[in-house]
Amino acid sequence: MKVIVYHISQEDKKLLALANRKKHKITIIINPLSEATVHFAEAKDAVIIIDQENLVSNRLIFKLISFGIRYFIFRFQEQAPVDVSIIQDAGLKYITITDSTLKISSIIKILDAWEKSD
């Protein structure tokens, strides 16, 4: 699966690489998802957004969907700043993780499960 991760810390980046074991092709963007960075998601299957400080606009979600993104993972310490109804209405899969203690390796398990379900 081709995955893009936005706004990941250096520590989580290392943990994600170790957990992935080169199974999924992961692109890391240290900046948050924005109009300036959204184009990196083109030709990807899944997007992971970590601790986004600003609201993820509906326009950005629609743009990601138009790129062919089928899976969304939102990892936040509090309520995710995104309207997931757009993703639901499009019939796409998503998960919102608000538990900051959840290991980054769990994200790889979620991607593995989604890949098997295709």
PDB file of N, CA and C in Angstrom:
ATOM      1  N   MET A   1       0.843  -1.166   0.000  1.00  0.00           N
ATOM      2  CA  MET A   1       0.000   0.000   0.000  1.00  0.00           C
ATOM      3  C   MET A   1       0.899   1.243   0.000  1.00  0.00           C
ATOM      4  N   LYS A   2       0.537   2.245  -0.781  1.00  0.00           N
ATOM      5  CA  LYS A   2       1.268   3.507  -0.825  1.00  0.00           C
ATOM      6  C   LYS A   2       0.610   4.471   0.162  1.00  0.00           C
ATOM      7  N   VAL A   3       1.414   4.938   1.106  1.00  0.00           N
ATOM      8  CA  VAL A   3       0.902   5.722   2.229  1.00  0.00           C
ATOM      9  C   VAL A   3       1.691   7.022   2.342  1.00  0.00           C
ATOM     10  N   ILE A   4       0.994   8.082   2.722  1.00  0.00           N
ATOM     11  CA  ILE A   4       1.658   9.337   3.038  1.00  0.00           C
ATOM     12  C   ILE A   4       1.310   9.715   4.468  1.00  0.00           C
ATOM     13  N   VAL A   5       2.310  10.172   5.195  1.00  0.00           N
ATOM     14  CA  VAL A   5       2.132  10.581   6.582  1.00  0.00           C
ATOM     15  C   VAL A   5       2.487  12.047   6.703  1.00  0.00           C
ATOM     16  N   TYR A   6       1.564  12.815   7.270  1.00  0.00           N
ATOM     17  CA  TYR A   6       1.782  14.245   7.481  1.00  0.00           C
ATOM     18  C   TYR A   6       2.029  14.544   8.952  1.00  0.00           C
ATOM     19  N   HIS A   7       2.963  15.465   9.201  1.00  0.00           N
ATOM     20  CA  HIS A   7       3.205  16.057  10.509  1.00  0.00           C
ATOM     21  C   HIS A   7       3.631  15.017  11.543  1.00  0.00           C
ATOM     22  N   ILE A   8       4.622  14.253  11.223  1.00  0.00           N
ATOM     23  CA  ILE A   8       5.102  13.209  12.118  1.00  0.00           C
ATOM     24  C   ILE A   8       6.395  13.671  12.802  1.00  0.00           C
ATOM     25  N   SER A   9       6.514  13.322  14.058  1.00  0.00           N
ATOM     26  CA  SER A   9       7.730  13.691  14.802  1.00  0.00           C
ATOM     27  C   SER A   9       8.878  12.769  14.393  1.00  0.00           C
ATOM     28  N   GLN A  10      10.078  13.190  14.682  1.00  0.00           N
ATOM     29  CA  GLN A  10      11.257  12.367  14.358  1.00  0.00           C
ATOM     30  C   GLN A  10      11.199  11.023  15.088  1.00  0.00           C
ATOM     31  N   GLU A  11      10.762  11.047  16.340  1.00  0.00           N
ATOM     32  CA  GLU A  11      10.669   9.810  17.118  1.00  0.00           C
ATOM     33  C   GLU A  11       9.641   8.853  16.506  1.00  0.00           C
ATOM     34  N   ASP A  12       8.449   9.381  16.192  1.00  0.00           N
ATOM     35  CA  ASP A  12       7.419   8.537  15.573  1.00  0.00           C
ATOM     36  C   ASP A  12       7.835   8.063  14.187  1.00  0.00           C
ATOM     37  N   LYS A  13       8.584   8.896  13.480  1.00  0.00           N
ATOM     38  CA  LYS A  13       9.087   8.518  12.156  1.00  0.00           C
ATOM     39  C   LYS A  13       9.959   7.269  12.250  1.00  0.00           C
ATOM     40  N   LYS A  14      10.854   7.241  13.223  1.00  0.00           N
ATOM     41  CA  LYS A  14      11.716   6.076  13.426  1.00  0.00           C
ATOM     42  C   LYS A  14      10.904   4.849  13.814  1.00  0.00           C
ATOM     43  N   LEU A  15       9.952   5.025  14.723  1.00  0.00           N
ATOM     44  CA  LEU A  15       9.124   3.904  15.156  1.00  0.00           C
ATOM     45  C   LEU A  15       8.269   3.354  14.014  1.00  0.00           C
ATOM     46  N   LEU A  16       7.765   4.249  13.181  1.00  0.00           N
ATOM     47  CA  LEU A  16       6.960   3.828  12.040  1.00  0.00           C
ATOM     48  C   LEU A  16       7.796   3.024  11.051  1.00  0.00           C
ATOM     49  N   ALA A  17       9.003   3.479  10.782  1.00  0.00           N
ATOM     50  CA  ALA A  17       9.893   2.760   9.867  1.00  0.00           C
ATOM     51  C   ALA A  17      10.225   1.377  10.405  1.00  0.00           C
ATOM     52  N   LEU A  18      10.483   1.268  11.697  1.00  0.00           N
ATOM     53  CA  LEU A  18      10.783  -0.033  12.301  1.00  0.00           C
ATOM     54  C   LEU A  18       9.578  -0.970  12.251  1.00  0.00           C
ATOM     55  N   ALA A  19       8.405  -0.450  12.547  1.00  0.00           N
ATOM     56  CA  ALA A  19       7.197  -1.273  12.537  1.00  0.00           C
ATOM     57  C   ALA A  19       6.809  -1.690  11.126  1.00  0.00           C
ATOM     58  N   ASN A  20       7.076  -0.838  10.162  1.00  0.00           N
ATOM     59  CA  ASN A  20       6.684  -1.103   8.775  1.00  0.00           C
ATOM     60  C   ASN A  20       7.505  -2.222   8.137  1.00  0.00           C
ATOM     61  N   ARG A  21       8.773  -2.260   8.433  1.00  0.00           N
ATOM     62  CA  ARG A  21       9.686  -3.263   7.870  1.00  0.00           C
ATOM     63  C   ARG A  21       9.601  -3.319   6.346  1.00  0.00           C
ATOM     64  N   LYS A  22       9.501  -2.142   5.740  1.00  0.00           N
ATOM     65  CA  LYS A  22       9.468  -1.977   4.280  1.00  0.00           C
ATOM     66  C   LYS A  22       8.294  -2.689   3.609  1.00  0.00           C
ATOM     67  N   LYS A  23       7.236  -2.952   4.379  1.00  0.00           N
ATOM     68  CA  LYS A  23       6.047  -3.603   3.823  1.00  0.00           C
ATOM     69  C   LYS A  23       5.239  -2.625   2.962  1.00  0.00           C
ATOM     70  N   HIS A  24       4.936  -1.474   3.520  1.00  0.00           N
ATOM     71  CA  HIS A  24       4.177  -0.448   2.813  1.00  0.00           C
ATOM     72  C   HIS A  24       5.153   0.616   2.337  1.00  0.00           C
ATOM     73  N   LYS A  25       4.845   1.214   1.194  1.00  0.00           N
ATOM     74  CA  LYS A  25       5.675   2.301   0.691  1.00  0.00           C
ATOM     75  C   LYS A  25       5.173   3.599   1.340  1.00  0.00           C
ATOM     76  N   ILE A  26       5.958   4.092   2.300  1.00  0.00           N
ATOM     77  CA  ILE A  26       5.524   5.232   3.103  1.00  0.00           C
ATOM     78  C   ILE A  26       6.341   6.470   2.759  1.00  0.00           C
ATOM     79  N   THR A  27       5.617   7.547   2.466  1.00  0.00           N
ATOM     80  CA  THR A  27       6.220   8.849   2.246  1.00  0.00           C
ATOM     81  C   THR A  27       5.974   9.678   3.503  1.00  0.00           C
ATOM     82  N   ILE A  28       7.017  10.288   4.006  1.00  0.00           N
ATOM     83  CA  ILE A  28       6.934  11.085   5.238  1.00  0.00           C
ATOM     84  C   ILE A  28       7.033  12.569   4.895  1.00  0.00           C
ATOM     85  N   ILE A  29       6.068  13.327   5.398  1.00  0.00           N
ATOM     86  CA  ILE A  29       6.076  14.777   5.269  1.00  0.00           C
ATOM     87  C   ILE A  29       6.056  15.331   6.692  1.00  0.00           C
ATOM     88  N   ILE A  30       7.084  16.060   7.075  1.00  0.00           N
ATOM     89  CA  ILE A  30       7.135  16.545   8.460  1.00  0.00           C
ATOM     90  C   ILE A  30       6.199  17.728   8.694  1.00  0.00           C
ATOM     91  N   ASN A  31       5.771  18.378   7.635  1.00  0.00           N
ATOM     92  CA  ASN A  31       4.855  19.512   7.749  1.00  0.00           C
ATOM     93  C   ASN A  31       3.413  19.025   7.838  1.00  0.00           C
ATOM     94  N   PRO A  32       2.531  19.854   8.396  1.00  0.00           N
ATOM     95  CA  PRO A  32       1.111  19.501   8.450  1.00  0.00           C
ATOM     96  C   PRO A  32       0.483  19.473   7.053  1.00  0.00           C
ATOM     97  N   LEU A  33      -0.646  18.809   6.941  1.00  0.00           N
ATOM     98  CA  LEU A  33      -1.415  18.820   5.702  1.00  0.00           C
ATOM     99  C   LEU A  33      -1.937  20.232   5.471  1.00  0.00           C
ATOM    100  N   SER A  34      -1.705  20.748   4.271  1.00  0.00           N
ATOM    101  CA  SER A  34      -2.155  22.093   3.908  1.00  0.00           C
ATOM    102  C   SER A  34      -2.272  22.162   2.387  1.00  0.00           C
ATOM    103  N   GLU A  35      -2.720  23.300   1.900  1.00  0.00           N
ATOM    104  CA  GLU A  35      -2.788  23.499   0.446  1.00  0.00           C
ATOM    105  C   GLU A  35      -1.403  23.340  -0.185  1.00  0.00           C
ATOM    106  N   ALA A  36      -0.368  23.707   0.559  1.00  0.00           N
ATOM    107  CA  ALA A  36       0.997  23.635   0.034  1.00  0.00           C
ATOM    108  C   ALA A  36       1.568  22.221   0.032  1.00  0.00           C
ATOM    109  N   THR A  37       1.012  21.329   0.860  1.00  0.00           N
ATOM    110  CA  THR A  37       1.567  19.976   0.962  1.00  0.00           C
ATOM    111  C   THR A  37       0.640  18.884   0.464  1.00  0.00           C
ATOM    112  N   VAL A  38      -0.595  19.212   0.171  1.00  0.00           N
ATOM    113  CA  VAL A  38      -1.580  18.190  -0.195  1.00  0.00           C
ATOM    114  C   VAL A  38      -1.190  17.436  -1.466  1.00  0.00           C
ATOM    115  N   HIS A  39      -0.492  18.084  -2.389  1.00  0.00           N
ATOM    116  CA  HIS A  39      -0.146  17.442  -3.660  1.00  0.00           C
ATOM    117  C   HIS A  39       0.765  16.224  -3.488  1.00  0.00           C
ATOM    118  N   PHE A  40       1.439  16.120  -2.356  1.00  0.00           N
ATOM    119  CA  PHE A  40       2.282  14.953  -2.110  1.00  0.00           C
ATOM    120  C   PHE A  40       1.453  13.669  -1.986  1.00  0.00           C
ATOM    121  N   ALA A  41       0.156  13.805  -1.766  1.00  0.00           N
ATOM    122  CA  ALA A  41      -0.720  12.646  -1.589  1.00  0.00           C
ATOM    123  C   ALA A  41      -1.180  12.029  -2.916  1.00  0.00           C
ATOM    124  N   GLU A  42      -0.856  12.667  -4.025  1.00  0.00           N
ATOM    125  CA  GLU A  42      -1.263  12.114  -5.314  1.00  0.00           C
ATOM    126  C   GLU A  42      -0.683  10.713  -5.496  1.00  0.00           C
ATOM    127  N   ALA A  43      -1.496   9.810  -6.041  1.00  0.00           N
ATOM    128  CA  ALA A  43      -1.114   8.429  -6.341  1.00  0.00           C
ATOM    129  C   ALA A  43      -0.864   7.583  -5.084  1.00  0.00           C
ATOM    130  N   LYS A  44      -1.401   8.012  -3.948  1.00  0.00           N
ATOM    131  CA  LYS A  44      -1.287   7.235  -2.718  1.00  0.00           C
ATOM    132  C   LYS A  44      -2.621   6.545  -2.441  1.00  0.00           C
ATOM    133  N   ASP A  45      -2.573   5.494  -1.628  1.00  0.00           N
ATOM    134  CA  ASP A  45      -3.781   4.776  -1.237  1.00  0.00           C
ATOM    135  C   ASP A  45      -4.341   5.263   0.090  1.00  0.00           C
ATOM    136  N   ALA A  46      -3.424   5.656   0.985  1.00  0.00           N
ATOM    137  CA  ALA A  46      -3.824   6.025   2.345  1.00  0.00           C
ATOM    138  C   ALA A  46      -3.085   7.277   2.799  1.00  0.00           C
ATOM    139  N   VAL A  47      -3.744   8.000   3.693  1.00  0.00           N
ATOM    140  CA  VAL A  47      -3.133   9.186   4.279  1.00  0.00           C
ATOM    141  C   VAL A  47      -3.245   9.081   5.799  1.00  0.00           C
ATOM    142  N   ILE A  48      -2.167   9.436   6.470  1.00  0.00           N
ATOM    143  CA  ILE A  48      -2.140   9.463   7.926  1.00  0.00           C
ATOM    144  C   ILE A  48      -1.808  10.893   8.333  1.00  0.00           C
ATOM    145  N   ILE A  49      -2.648  11.456   9.171  1.00  0.00           N
ATOM    146  CA  ILE A  49      -2.438  12.820   9.635  1.00  0.00           C
ATOM    147  C   ILE A  49      -2.262  12.762  11.140  1.00  0.00           C
ATOM    148  N   ILE A  50      -1.135  13.263  11.617  1.00  0.00           N
ATOM    149  CA  ILE A  50      -0.792  13.175  13.028  1.00  0.00           C
ATOM    150  C   ILE A  50      -0.757  14.560  13.651  1.00  0.00           C
ATOM    151  N   ASP A  51      -1.508  14.717  14.738  1.00  0.00           N
ATOM    152  CA  ASP A  51      -1.498  15.953  15.539  1.00  0.00           C
ATOM    153  C   ASP A  51      -1.557  17.219  14.698  1.00  0.00           C
ATOM    154  N   GLN A  52      -2.510  17.270  13.799  1.00  0.00           N
ATOM    155  CA  GLN A  52      -2.741  18.458  12.975  1.00  0.00           C
ATOM    156  C   GLN A  52      -3.210  19.589  13.878  1.00  0.00           C
ATOM    157  N   GLU A  53      -2.520  20.715  13.852  1.00  0.00           N
ATOM    158  CA  GLU A  53      -2.865  21.827  14.726  1.00  0.00           C
ATOM    159  C   GLU A  53      -4.064  22.613  14.209  1.00  0.00           C
ATOM    160  N   ASN A  54      -4.181  22.720  12.904  1.00  0.00           N
ATOM    161  CA  ASN A  54      -5.272  23.486  12.302  1.00  0.00           C
ATOM    162  C   ASN A  54      -6.349  22.545  11.781  1.00  0.00           C
ATOM    163  N   LEU A  55      -7.516  23.099  11.581  1.00  0.00           N
ATOM    164  CA  LEU A  55      -8.626  22.351  11.024  1.00  0.00           C
ATOM    165  C   LEU A  55      -8.257  21.826   9.642  1.00  0.00           C
ATOM    166  N   VAL A  56      -8.567  20.567   9.389  1.00  0.00           N
ATOM    167  CA  VAL A  56      -8.395  20.014   8.052  1.00  0.00           C
ATOM    168  C   VAL A  56      -9.672  20.373   7.292  1.00  0.00           C
ATOM    169  N   SER A  57      -9.564  21.252   6.344  1.00  0.00           N
ATOM    170  CA  SER A  57     -10.750  21.773   5.661  1.00  0.00           C
ATOM    171  C   SER A  57     -11.398  20.700   4.793  1.00  0.00           C
ATOM    172  N   ASN A  58     -12.676  20.903   4.557  1.00  0.00           N
ATOM    173  CA  ASN A  58     -13.406  20.002   3.661  1.00  0.00           C
ATOM    174  C   ASN A  58     -12.771  20.008   2.279  1.00  0.00           C
ATOM    175  N   ARG A  59     -12.291  21.154   1.873  1.00  0.00           N
ATOM    176  CA  ARG A  59     -11.641  21.266   0.564  1.00  0.00           C
ATOM    177  C   ARG A  59     -10.433  20.329   0.471  1.00  0.00           C
ATOM    178  N   LEU A  60      -9.630  20.270   1.540  1.00  0.00           N
ATOM    179  CA  LEU A  60      -8.473  19.372   1.546  1.00  0.00           C
ATOM    180  C   LEU A  60      -8.908  17.907   1.510  1.00  0.00           C
ATOM    181  N   ILE A  61      -9.957  17.585   2.248  1.00  0.00           N
ATOM    182  CA  ILE A  61     -10.464  16.199   2.238  1.00  0.00           C
ATOM    183  C   ILE A  61     -10.956  15.839   0.838  1.00  0.00           C
ATOM    184  N   PHE A  62     -11.719  16.724   0.213  1.00  0.00           N
ATOM    185  CA  PHE A  62     -12.186  16.464  -1.154  1.00  0.00           C
ATOM    186  C   PHE A  62     -11.017  16.304  -2.123  1.00  0.00           C
ATOM    187  N   LYS A  63      -9.994  17.115  -1.936  1.00  0.00           N
ATOM    188  CA  LYS A  63      -8.824  17.027  -2.800  1.00  0.00           C
ATOM    189  C   LYS A  63      -8.132  15.671  -2.624  1.00  0.00           C
ATOM    190  N   LEU A  64      -7.991  15.221  -1.368  1.00  0.00           N
ATOM    191  CA  LEU A  64      -7.381  13.915  -1.112  1.00  0.00           C
ATOM    192  C   LEU A  64      -8.202  12.799  -1.757  1.00  0.00           C
ATOM    193  N   ILE A  65      -9.511  12.891  -1.640  1.00  0.00           N
ATOM    194  CA  ILE A  65     -10.381  11.888  -2.253  1.00  0.00           C
ATOM    195  C   ILE A  65     -10.219  11.913  -3.772  1.00  0.00           C
ATOM    196  N   SER A  66     -10.105  13.112  -4.349  1.00  0.00           N
ATOM    197  CA  SER A  66      -9.942  13.216  -5.806  1.00  0.00           C
ATOM    198  C   SER A  66      -8.617  12.614  -6.264  1.00  0.00           C
ATOM    199  N   PHE A  67      -7.616  12.576  -5.390  1.00  0.00           N
ATOM    200  CA  PHE A  67      -6.333  11.956  -5.703  1.00  0.00           C
ATOM    201  C   PHE A  67      -6.402  10.433  -5.653  1.00  0.00           C
ATOM    202  N   GLY A  68      -7.512   9.903  -5.131  1.00  0.00           N
ATOM    203  CA  GLY A  68      -7.660   8.446  -5.038  1.00  0.00           C
ATOM    204  C   GLY A  68      -7.390   7.874  -3.660  1.00  0.00           C
ATOM    205  N   ILE A  69      -7.250   8.738  -2.664  1.00  0.00           N
ATOM    206  CA  ILE A  69      -7.060   8.257  -1.296  1.00  0.00           C
ATOM    207  C   ILE A  69      -8.314   7.491  -0.887  1.00  0.00           C
ATOM    208  N   ARG A  70      -8.107   6.248  -0.413  1.00  0.00           N
ATOM    209  CA  ARG A  70      -9.236   5.409   0.006  1.00  0.00           C
ATOM    210  C   ARG A  70      -9.274   5.165   1.500  1.00  0.00           C
ATOM    211  N   TYR A  71      -8.165   5.456   2.176  1.00  0.00           N
ATOM    212  CA  TYR A  71      -8.054   5.173   3.601  1.00  0.00           C
ATOM    213  C   TYR A  71      -7.469   6.382   4.323  1.00  0.00           C
ATOM    214  N   PHE A  72      -8.033   6.677   5.480  1.00  0.00           N
ATOM    215  CA  PHE A  72      -7.591   7.815   6.280  1.00  0.00           C
ATOM    216  C   PHE A  72      -7.361   7.363   7.713  1.00  0.00           C
ATOM    217  N   ILE A  73      -6.234   7.762   8.270  1.00  0.00           N
ATOM    218  CA  ILE A  73      -5.971   7.564   9.695  1.00  0.00           C
ATOM    219  C   ILE A  73      -5.660   8.936  10.278  1.00  0.00           C
ATOM    220  N   PHE A  74      -6.410   9.289  11.301  1.00  0.00           N
ATOM    221  CA  PHE A  74      -6.199  10.543  12.001  1.00  0.00           C
ATOM    222  C   PHE A  74      -5.738  10.198  13.412  1.00  0.00           C
ATOM    223  N   ARG A  75      -4.554  10.650  13.790  1.00  0.00           N
ATOM    224  CA  ARG A  75      -4.017  10.379  15.131  1.00  0.00           C
ATOM    225  C   ARG A  75      -3.837  11.708  15.841  1.00  0.00           C
ATOM    226  N   PHE A  76      -4.694  11.941  16.837  1.00  0.00           N
ATOM    227  CA  PHE A  76      -4.700  13.190  17.585  1.00  0.00           C
ATOM    228  C   PHE A  76      -4.809  12.893  19.066  1.00  0.00           C
ATOM    229  N   GLN A  77      -4.335  13.811  19.876  1.00  0.00           N
ATOM    230  CA  GLN A  77      -4.464  13.641  21.314  1.00  0.00           C
ATOM    231  C   GLN A  77      -5.857  14.020  21.790  1.00  0.00           C
ATOM    232  N   GLU A  78      -6.532  14.847  21.040  1.00  0.00           N
ATOM    233  CA  GLU A  78      -7.895  15.242  21.379  1.00  0.00           C
ATOM    234  C   GLU A  78      -8.776  14.984  20.161  1.00  0.00           C
ATOM    235  N   GLN A  79      -9.938  15.576  20.137  1.00  0.00           N
ATOM    236  CA  GLN A  79     -10.868  15.418  19.009  1.00  0.00           C
ATOM    237  C   GLN A  79     -10.187  15.806  17.699  1.00  0.00           C
ATOM    238  N   ALA A  80     -10.357  14.984  16.688  1.00  0.00           N
ATOM    239  CA  ALA A  80      -9.752  15.244  15.386  1.00  0.00           C
ATOM    240  C   ALA A  80     -10.376  16.485  14.743  1.00  0.00           C
ATOM    241  N   PRO A  81      -9.551  17.407  14.248  1.00  0.00           N
ATOM    242  CA  PRO A  81     -10.067  18.620  13.610  1.00  0.00           C
ATOM    243  C   PRO A  81     -10.428  18.379  12.142  1.00  0.00           C
ATOM    244  N   VAL A  82     -11.362  17.445  11.932  1.00  0.00           N
ATOM    245  CA  VAL A  82     -11.749  17.106  10.570  1.00  0.00           C
ATOM    246  C   VAL A  82     -13.205  16.644  10.570  1.00  0.00           C
ATOM    247  N   ASP A  83     -13.909  16.957   9.499  1.00  0.00           N
ATOM    248  CA  ASP A  83     -15.290  16.520   9.325  1.00  0.00           C
ATOM    249  C   ASP A  83     -15.264  15.176   8.591  1.00  0.00           C
ATOM    250  N   VAL A  84     -15.424  14.091   9.339  1.00  0.00           N
ATOM    251  CA  VAL A  84     -15.317  12.755   8.730  1.00  0.00           C
ATOM    252  C   VAL A  84     -16.568  12.357   7.947  1.00  0.00           C
ATOM    253  N   SER A  85     -17.626  13.160   8.005  1.00  0.00           N
ATOM    254  CA  SER A  85     -18.847  12.813   7.274  1.00  0.00           C
ATOM    255  C   SER A  85     -18.594  12.757   5.766  1.00  0.00           C
ATOM    256  N   ILE A  86     -17.668  13.562   5.275  1.00  0.00           N
ATOM    257  CA  ILE A  86     -17.321  13.543   3.853  1.00  0.00           C
ATOM    258  C   ILE A  86     -16.725  12.187   3.484  1.00  0.00           C
ATOM    259  N   ILE A  87     -15.856  11.692   4.339  1.00  0.00           N
ATOM    260  CA  ILE A  87     -15.217  10.394   4.100  1.00  0.00           C
ATOM    261  C   ILE A  87     -16.253   9.288   4.182  1.00  0.00           C
ATOM    262  N   GLN A  88     -17.137   9.366   5.176  1.00  0.00           N
ATOM    263  CA  GLN A  88     -18.203   8.381   5.320  1.00  0.00           C
ATOM    264  C   GLN A  88     -19.120   8.388   4.099  1.00  0.00           C
ATOM    265  N   ASP A  89     -19.525   9.566   3.670  1.00  0.00           N
ATOM    266  CA  ASP A  89     -20.435   9.692   2.523  1.00  0.00           C
ATOM    267  C   ASP A  89     -19.819   9.135   1.243  1.00  0.00           C
ATOM    268  N   ALA A  90     -18.499   9.203   1.140  1.00  0.00           N
ATOM    269  CA  ALA A  90     -17.806   8.677  -0.039  1.00  0.00           C
ATOM    270  C   ALA A  90     -17.609   7.161   0.061  1.00  0.00           C
ATOM    271  N   GLY A  91     -17.994   6.570   1.202  1.00  0.00           N
ATOM    272  CA  GLY A  91     -17.859   5.125   1.376  1.00  0.00           C
ATOM    273  C   GLY A  91     -16.428   4.668   1.590  1.00  0.00           C
ATOM    274  N   LEU A  92     -15.584   5.559   2.065  1.00  0.00           N
ATOM    275  CA  LEU A  92     -14.173   5.235   2.280  1.00  0.00           C
ATOM    276  C   LEU A  92     -13.939   4.847   3.739  1.00  0.00           C
ATOM    277  N   LYS A  93     -12.801   4.236   3.991  1.00  0.00           N
ATOM    278  CA  LYS A  93     -12.477   3.787   5.346  1.00  0.00           C
ATOM    279  C   LYS A  93     -11.622   4.819   6.058  1.00  0.00           C
ATOM    280  N   TYR A  94     -11.896   4.964   7.352  1.00  0.00           N
ATOM    281  CA  TYR A  94     -11.096   5.864   8.168  1.00  0.00           C
ATOM    282  C   TYR A  94     -11.110   5.369   9.611  1.00  0.00           C
ATOM    283  N   ILE A  95     -10.151   5.825  10.345  1.00  0.00           N
ATOM    284  CA  ILE A  95     -10.114   5.592  11.787  1.00  0.00           C
ATOM    285  C   ILE A  95      -9.536   6.840  12.429  1.00  0.00           C
ATOM    286  N   THR A  96     -10.109   7.202  13.557  1.00  0.00           N
ATOM    287  CA  THR A  96      -9.611   8.322  14.331  1.00  0.00           C
ATOM    288  C   THR A  96      -9.053   7.772  15.632  1.00  0.00           C
ATOM    289  N   ILE A  97      -7.788   8.022  15.867  1.00  0.00           N
ATOM    290  CA  ILE A  97      -7.111   7.550  17.069  1.00  0.00           C
ATOM    291  C   ILE A  97      -6.864   8.759  17.960  1.00  0.00           C
ATOM    292  N   THR A  98      -7.500   8.776  19.116  1.00  0.00           N
ATOM    293  CA  THR A  98      -7.299   9.898  20.037  1.00  0.00           C
ATOM    294  C   THR A  98      -6.466   9.497  21.243  1.00  0.00           C
ATOM    295  N   ASP A  99      -6.124   8.233  21.326  1.00  0.00           N
ATOM    296  CA  ASP A  99      -5.321   7.748  22.448  1.00  0.00           C
ATOM    297  C   ASP A  99      -3.847   7.939  22.123  1.00  0.00           C
ATOM    298  N   SER A 100      -3.209   8.895  22.769  1.00  0.00           N
ATOM    299  CA  SER A 100      -1.809   9.183  22.465  1.00  0.00           C
ATOM    300  C   SER A 100      -0.872   8.065  22.916  1.00  0.00           C
ATOM    301  N   THR A 101      -1.371   7.149  23.734  1.00  0.00           N
ATOM    302  CA  THR A 101      -0.527   6.042  24.184  1.00  0.00           C
ATOM    303  C   THR A 101      -0.529   4.880  23.190  1.00  0.00           C
ATOM    304  N   LEU A 102      -1.420   4.948  22.195  1.00  0.00           N
ATOM    305  CA  LEU A 102      -1.466   3.883  21.198  1.00  0.00           C
ATOM    306  C   LEU A 102      -0.158   3.879  20.422  1.00  0.00           C
ATOM    307  N   LYS A 103       0.457   2.745  20.373  1.00  0.00           N
ATOM    308  CA  LYS A 103       1.750   2.637  19.721  1.00  0.00           C
ATOM    309  C   LYS A 103       1.641   2.912  18.231  1.00  0.00           C
ATOM    310  N   ILE A 104       2.665   3.519  17.686  1.00  0.00           N
ATOM    311  CA  ILE A 104       2.711   3.819  16.256  1.00  0.00           C
ATOM    312  C   ILE A 104       2.657   2.528  15.439  1.00  0.00           C
ATOM    313  N   SER A 105       3.129   1.421  16.019  1.00  0.00           N
ATOM    314  CA  SER A 105       3.083   0.139  15.310  1.00  0.00           C
ATOM    315  C   SER A 105       1.648  -0.307  15.048  1.00  0.00           C
ATOM    316  N   SER A 106       0.715   0.179  15.852  1.00  0.00           N
ATOM    317  CA  SER A 106      -0.692  -0.152  15.624  1.00  0.00           C
ATOM    318  C   SER A 106      -1.181   0.407  14.295  1.00  0.00           C
ATOM    319  N   ILE A 107      -0.601   1.512  13.873  1.00  0.00           N
ATOM    320  CA  ILE A 107      -0.973   2.094  12.582  1.00  0.00           C
ATOM    321  C   ILE A 107      -0.628   1.126  11.460  1.00  0.00           C
ATOM    322  N   ILE A 108       0.507   0.472  11.545  1.00  0.00           N
ATOM    323  CA  ILE A 108       0.896  -0.512  10.533  1.00  0.00           C
ATOM    324  C   ILE A 108      -0.088  -1.683  10.542  1.00  0.00           C
ATOM    325  N   LYS A 109      -0.533  -2.103  11.704  1.00  0.00           N
ATOM    326  CA  LYS A 109      -1.519  -3.193  11.790  1.00  0.00           C
ATOM    327  C   LYS A 109      -2.830  -2.800  11.122  1.00  0.00           C
ATOM    328  N   ILE A 110      -3.233  -1.556  11.293  1.00  0.00           N
ATOM    329  CA  ILE A 110      -4.452  -1.063  10.637  1.00  0.00           C
ATOM    330  C   ILE A 110      -4.274  -1.086   9.124  1.00  0.00           C
ATOM    331  N   LEU A 111      -3.133  -0.600   8.636  1.00  0.00           N
ATOM    332  CA  LEU A 111      -2.865  -0.615   7.191  1.00  0.00           C
ATOM    333  C   LEU A 111      -2.853  -2.043   6.659  1.00  0.00           C
ATOM    334  N   ASP A 112      -2.236  -2.971   7.406  1.00  0.00           N
ATOM    335  CA  ASP A 112      -2.200  -4.377   6.996  1.00  0.00           C
ATOM    336  C   ASP A 112      -3.611  -4.941   6.856  1.00  0.00           C
ATOM    337  N   ALA A 113      -4.461  -4.645   7.830  1.00  0.00           N
ATOM    338  CA  ALA A 113      -5.834  -5.155   7.801  1.00  0.00           C
ATOM    339  C   ALA A 113      -6.609  -4.591   6.623  1.00  0.00           C
ATOM    340  N   TRP A 114      -6.447  -3.299   6.348  1.00  0.00           N
ATOM    341  CA  TRP A 114      -7.138  -2.692   5.220  1.00  0.00           C
ATOM    342  C   TRP A 114      -6.641  -3.282   3.905  1.00  0.00           C
ATOM    343  N   GLU A 115      -5.342  -3.519   3.815  1.00  0.00           N
ATOM    344  CA  GLU A 115      -4.786  -4.090   2.595  1.00  0.00           C
ATOM    345  C   GLU A 115      -5.329  -5.482   2.345  1.00  0.00           C
ATOM    346  N   LYS A 116      -5.467  -6.275   3.395  1.00  0.00           N
ATOM    347  CA  LYS A 116      -6.031  -7.625   3.266  1.00  0.00           C
ATOM    348  C   LYS A 116      -7.502  -7.611   2.885  1.00  0.00           C
ATOM    349  N   SER A 117      -8.218  -6.578   3.310  1.00  0.00           N
ATOM    350  CA  SER A 117      -9.657  -6.521   3.034  1.00  0.00           C
ATOM    351  C   SER A 117      -9.970  -6.116   1.599  1.00  0.00           C
ATOM    352  N   ASP A 118      -8.970  -5.606   0.892  1.00  0.00           N
ATOM    353  CA  ASP A 118      -9.191  -5.212  -0.521  1.00  0.00           C
ATOM    354  C   ASP A 118      -9.325  -6.423  -1.423  1.00  0.00           C
TER     355      ASP A 118
END
